[in-house]
C-alpha atoms as a PDB file:
ATOM      1  CA  MET A   1      21.957 287.023  35.594  1.00  0.00           C
ATOM      2  CA  LYS A   2      20.948 285.456  32.277  1.00  0.00           C
ATOM      3  CA  ARG A   3      24.563 285.685  31.054  1.00  0.00           C
ATOM      4  CA  VAL A   4      25.746 283.931  34.217  1.00  0.00           C
ATOM      5  CA  ILE A   5      23.213 281.134  33.831  1.00  0.00           C
ATOM      6  CA  ARG A   6      24.150 280.694  30.165  1.00  0.00           C
ATOM      7  CA  ALA A   7      27.900 280.656  30.958  1.00  0.00           C
ATOM      8  CA  LEU A   8      27.396 278.079  33.713  1.00  0.00           C
ATOM      9  CA  GLU A   9      25.281 275.880  31.447  1.00  0.00           C
ATOM     10  CA  GLU A  10      27.855 276.111  28.646  1.00  0.00           C
ATOM     11  CA  ALA A  11      30.558 275.089  31.158  1.00  0.00           C
ATOM     12  CA  GLY A  12      28.502 272.089  32.281  1.00  0.00           C
ATOM     13  CA  ILE A  13      27.931 273.470  35.779  1.00  0.00           C
ATOM     14  CA  GLU A  14      24.599 272.449  37.265  1.00  0.00           C
ATOM     15  CA  THR A  15      23.589 274.797  40.041  1.00  0.00           C
ATOM     16  CA  GLU A  16      20.708 276.779  41.399  1.00  0.00           C
ATOM     17  CA  ILE A  17      20.606 280.552  41.651  1.00  0.00           C
ATOM     18  CA  VAL A  18      19.627 281.571  45.191  1.00  0.00           C
ATOM     19  CA  GLU A  19      18.009 284.931  45.866  1.00  0.00           C
ATOM     20  CA  LEU A  20      19.062 286.626  49.083  1.00  0.00           C
ATOM     21  CA  GLY A  21      17.493 289.660  50.710  1.00  0.00           C
ATOM     22  CA  THR A  22      20.870 291.335  50.496  1.00  0.00           C
ATOM     23  CA  ALA A  23      24.342 290.068  49.741  1.00  0.00           C
ATOM     24  CA  ARG A  24      26.311 293.251  49.304  1.00  0.00           C
ATOM     25  CA  THR A  25      28.985 291.966  51.695  1.00  0.00           C
ATOM     26  CA  ALA A  26      30.611 288.561  51.930  1.00  0.00           C
ATOM     27  CA  GLN A  27      29.309 288.204  55.498  1.00  0.00           C
ATOM     28  CA  GLU A  28      25.719 288.922  54.404  1.00  0.00           C
ATOM     29  CA  ALA A  29      26.038 286.339  51.635  1.00  0.00           C
ATOM     30  CA  ALA A  30      27.530 283.751  54.013  1.00  0.00           C
ATOM     31  CA  ASP A  31      24.767 284.357  56.550  1.00  0.00           C
ATOM     32  CA  GLY A  32      22.156 284.125  53.797  1.00  0.00           C
ATOM     33  CA  VAL A  33      23.263 280.729  52.511  1.00  0.00           C
ATOM     34  CA  GLY A  34      24.508 279.359  55.846  1.00  0.00           C
ATOM     35  CA  CYS A  35      28.160 278.826  54.989  1.00  0.00           C
ATOM     36  CA  ALA A  36      31.542 279.900  56.337  1.00  0.00           C
ATOM     37  CA  LEU A  37      32.703 283.401  55.402  1.00  0.00           C
ATOM     38  CA  ASP A  38      35.654 282.036  53.396  1.00  0.00           C
ATOM     39  CA  GLN A  39      33.264 279.965  51.244  1.00  0.00           C
ATOM     40  CA  ILE A  40      32.128 283.200  49.598  1.00  0.00           C
ATOM     41  CA  ALA A  41      34.116 283.935  46.429  1.00  0.00           C
ATOM     42  CA  LYS A  42      34.343 287.720  46.359  1.00  0.00           C
ATOM     43  CA  SER A  43      34.942 289.321  42.966  1.00  0.00           C
ATOM     44  CA  ILE A  44      37.379 292.161  43.586  1.00  0.00           C
ATOM     45  CA  ILE A  45      38.155 294.271  40.528  1.00  0.00           C
ATOM     46  CA  PHE A  46      41.049 296.670  40.128  1.00  0.00           C
ATOM     47  CA  ALA A  47      42.039 298.814  37.181  1.00  0.00           C
ATOM     48  CA  GLY A  48      45.484 298.438  35.697  1.00  0.00           C
ATOM     49  CA  ALA A  49      47.035 301.873  36.248  1.00  0.00           C
ATOM     50  CA  GLU A  50      48.926 301.653  32.941  1.00  0.00           C
ATOM     51  CA  SER A  51      46.615 299.537  30.768  1.00  0.00           C
ATOM     52  CA  GLY A  52      43.306 300.806  32.115  1.00  0.00           C
ATOM     53  CA  ALA A  53      42.042 297.198  31.931  1.00  0.00           C
ATOM     54  CA  ALA A  54      39.840 295.687  34.613  1.00  0.00           C
ATOM     55  CA  LEU A  55      41.520 292.855  36.537  1.00  0.00           C
ATOM     56  CA  LEU A  56      39.564 290.300  38.580  1.00  0.00           C
ATOM     57  CA  PHE A  57      40.712 288.761  41.858  1.00  0.00           C
ATOM     58  CA  LEU A  58      38.414 285.988  43.178  1.00  0.00           C
ATOM     59  CA  THR A  59      39.055 286.112  46.897  1.00  0.00           C
ATOM     60  CA  ALA A  60      37.862 284.031  49.854  1.00  0.00           C
ATOM     61  CA  GLY A  61      35.308 286.039  51.844  1.00  0.00           C
ATOM     62  CA  GLY A  62      37.485 286.655  54.887  1.00  0.00           C
ATOM     63  CA  ASN A  63      40.604 287.584  52.940  1.00  0.00           C
ATOM     64  CA  GLN A  64      41.721 290.943  51.605  1.00  0.00           C
ATOM     65  CA  VAL A  65      43.723 291.568  48.462  1.00  0.00           C
ATOM     66  CA  ASP A  66      47.319 292.628  49.106  1.00  0.00           C
ATOM     67  CA  ALA A  67      47.890 295.477  46.637  1.00  0.00           C
ATOM     68  CA  ASP A  68      51.620 294.757  46.209  1.00  0.00           C
ATOM     69  CA  LYS A  69      51.108 291.024  45.547  1.00  0.00           C
ATOM     70  CA  ALA A  70      48.199 291.708  43.182  1.00  0.00           C
ATOM     71  CA  SER A  71      50.189 294.367  41.327  1.00  0.00           C
ATOM     72  CA  ALA A  72      53.106 291.962  40.879  1.00  0.00           C
ATOM     73  CA  LEU A  73      50.756 289.372  39.360  1.00  0.00           C
ATOM     74  CA  ALA A  74      49.169 291.939  37.058  1.00  0.00           C
ATOM     75  CA  GLY A  75      52.554 293.261  35.964  1.00  0.00           C
ATOM     76  CA  GLU A  76      51.512 296.861  36.564  1.00  0.00           C
ATOM     77  CA  PRO A  77      50.423 299.151  39.398  1.00  0.00           C
ATOM     78  CA  LEU A  78      46.760 298.828  40.353  1.00  0.00           C
ATOM     79  CA  ALA A  79      44.190 301.532  40.913  1.00  0.00           C
ATOM     80  CA  LYS A  80      40.646 301.486  42.185  1.00  0.00           C
ATOM     81  CA  ALA A  81      38.233 300.427  39.441  1.00  0.00           C
ATOM     82  CA  ASP A  82      35.282 302.763  39.165  1.00  0.00           C
ATOM     83  CA  ALA A  83      31.701 301.633  38.594  1.00  0.00           C
ATOM     84  CA  ALA A  84      31.813 302.625  34.915  1.00  0.00           C
ATOM     85  CA  LEU A  85      34.869 300.461  34.170  1.00  0.00           C
ATOM     86  CA  ILE A  86      33.398 297.514  36.048  1.00  0.00           C
ATOM     87  CA  ARG A  87      30.088 297.813  34.198  1.00  0.00           C
ATOM     88  CA  GLU A  88      31.821 298.286  30.819  1.00  0.00           C
ATOM     89  CA  GLN A  89      34.174 295.326  31.276  1.00  0.00           C
ATOM     90  CA  THR A  90      31.891 292.842  33.010  1.00  0.00           C
ATOM     91  CA  GLY A  91      28.349 294.058  32.406  1.00  0.00           C
ATOM     92  CA  PHE A  92      27.689 293.780  36.138  1.00  0.00           C
ATOM     93  CA  ALA A  93      27.203 296.349  38.890  1.00  0.00           C
ATOM     94  CA  ILE A  94      29.505 296.529  41.890  1.00  0.00           C
ATOM     95  CA  GLY A  95      28.366 293.944  44.444  1.00  0.00           C
ATOM     96  CA  GLY A  96      27.040 291.566  41.795  1.00  0.00           C
ATOM     97  CA  VAL A  97      30.118 290.743  39.697  1.00  0.00           C
ATOM     98  CA  ALA A  98      30.082 287.043  38.872  1.00  0.00           C
ATOM     99  CA  PRO A  99      33.193 285.010  38.034  1.00  0.00           C
ATOM    100  CA  VAL A 100      31.616 284.176  34.626  1.00  0.00           C
ATOM    101  CA  GLY A 101      29.350 285.780  32.057  1.00  0.00           C
ATOM    102  CA  HIS A 102      31.387 288.943  31.526  1.00  0.00           C
ATOM    103  CA  LEU A 103      30.733 291.116  28.492  1.00  0.00           C
ATOM    104  CA  ASN A 104      34.465 291.167  27.699  1.00  0.00           C
ATOM    105  CA  PRO A 105      37.343 288.826  28.529  1.00  0.00           C
ATOM    106  CA  ILE A 106      39.072 289.672  31.789  1.00  0.00           C
ATOM    107  CA  ARG A 107      42.386 288.604  33.318  1.00  0.00           C
ATOM    108  CA  ALA A 108      41.654 286.840  36.585  1.00  0.00           C
ATOM    109  CA  TRP A 109      43.295 285.174  39.560  1.00  0.00           C
ATOM    110  CA  VAL A 110      41.781 282.949  42.257  1.00  0.00           C
ATOM    111  CA  ASP A 111      42.669 282.753  45.954  1.00  0.00           C
ATOM    112  CA  PRO A 112      43.880 279.205  46.798  1.00  0.00           C
ATOM    113  CA  ARG A 113      41.935 279.430  50.091  1.00  0.00           C
ATOM    114  CA  LEU A 114      38.737 278.869  48.083  1.00  0.00           C
ATOM    115  CA  MET A 115      40.058 275.481  46.930  1.00  0.00           C
ATOM    116  CA  GLU A 116      39.984 274.173  50.501  1.00  0.00           C
ATOM    117  CA  PHE A 117      36.192 273.754  50.431  1.00  0.00           C
ATOM    118  CA  ASP A 118      33.819 271.278  48.787  1.00  0.00           C
ATOM    119  CA  ARG A 119      31.552 274.119  47.753  1.00  0.00           C
ATOM    120  CA  VAL A 120      31.836 277.886  47.437  1.00  0.00           C
ATOM    121  CA  TRP A 121      29.312 280.595  46.598  1.00  0.00           C
ATOM    122  CA  ALA A 122      29.703 283.442  44.130  1.00  0.00           C
ATOM    123  CA  ALA A 123      27.634 286.388  42.933  1.00  0.00           C
ATOM    124  CA  ALA A 124      25.281 285.491  40.104  1.00  0.00           C
ATOM    125  CA  GLY A 125      25.258 288.868  38.389  1.00  0.00           C
ATOM    126  CA  THR A 126      23.271 290.909  40.887  1.00  0.00           C
ATOM    127  CA  PRO A 127      23.887 292.027  44.495  1.00  0.00           C
ATOM    128  CA  HIS A 128      20.975 289.801  45.549  1.00  0.00           C
ATOM    129  CA  HIS A 129      21.729 286.476  43.838  1.00  0.00           C
ATOM    130  CA  VAL A 130      24.405 283.825  44.403  1.00  0.00           C
ATOM    131  CA  PHE A 131      25.173 280.350  43.122  1.00  0.00           C
ATOM    132  CA  ALA A 132      27.179 277.440  44.499  1.00  0.00           C
ATOM    133  CA  LEU A 133      29.838 275.433  42.752  1.00  0.00           C
ATOM    134  CA  ASN A 134      32.795 273.176  43.346  1.00  0.00           C
ATOM    135  CA  PRO A 135      35.775 275.544  43.687  1.00  0.00           C
ATOM    136  CA  ALA A 136      37.871 273.257  41.485  1.00  0.00           C
ATOM    137  CA  ASP A 137      35.679 274.499  38.617  1.00  0.00           C
ATOM    138  CA  LEU A 138      36.474 278.187  39.238  1.00  0.00           C
ATOM    139  CA  PRO A 139      39.755 278.334  37.279  1.00  0.00           C
ATOM    140  CA  ARG A 140      38.239 276.447  34.347  1.00  0.00           C
ATOM    141  CA  ILE A 141      35.091 278.541  34.010  1.00  0.00           C
ATOM    142  CA  SER A 142      36.648 281.931  34.799  1.00  0.00           C
ATOM    143  CA  GLY A 143      40.090 281.538  33.269  1.00  0.00           C
ATOM    144  CA  ALA A 144      41.524 282.514  36.656  1.00  0.00           C
ATOM    145  CA  GLN A 145      44.978 281.404  37.717  1.00  0.00           C
ATOM    146  CA  ALA A 146      45.509 280.260  41.316  1.00  0.00           C
ATOM    147  CA  ALA A 147      47.927 282.662  42.980  1.00  0.00           C
ATOM    148  CA  ASP A 148      48.850 284.169  46.344  1.00  0.00           C
ATOM    149  CA  PHE A 149      47.574 287.739  46.357  1.00  0.00           C
ATOM    150  CA  VAL A 150      46.040 288.132  49.830  1.00  0.00           C
ATOM    151  CA  ASN A 151      47.271 289.738  53.033  1.00  0.00           C
ATOM    152  CA  THR A 152      48.893 287.301  55.407  1.00  0.00           C
ATOM    153  CA  PRO A 153      47.444 287.607  58.936  1.00  0.00           C
ATOM    154  CA  SER A 154      50.010 288.886  61.402  1.00  0.00           C
END
C-alpha cells in the first residue's frame, strides 16, 4: 500500500485510502464504498503465452475481459497469470493489484466504460483497501491505453 500511496502522490493525485472489511470481488468493493458496480476498476492480469510477461487490463466492475480482443491488443495469445507472476511483476497479491505502484513496468489497457463516471475506485495494494480517483487520470498514472477488450452483452 505504501508504494500505491507514493505513486499517487508523485502523480499529483489527492485521495484517501479506504479500508473495507473485504473487497475480494468488485461487488463487495462497490457495496463497501456505496458506488455502482462499474465504478470499480478491476485489475485483471494475464500472462503473455509467448513472452511470459504480465499484462494488465483495468476493467469496469461489471465487465469481463474478452480473451480474443485482449489477445489481439497484446499481440500474443494470453494465458492465466499465476499468483507468483502477479506478485513478481506487480508486488501485489491477487485481489489487491492496484493500477499504480508496481514493482516492474507493465503493459496496460483501460476499459472505456470506466471513463463514463466522475469517480472510480481501485484496489490500493491489498484485498481490503481501495482508493477513489477521476477515471481520466487512470491512463496517465498507469500508462494504460483505452481500448475495447470486454465481452459485448448479447
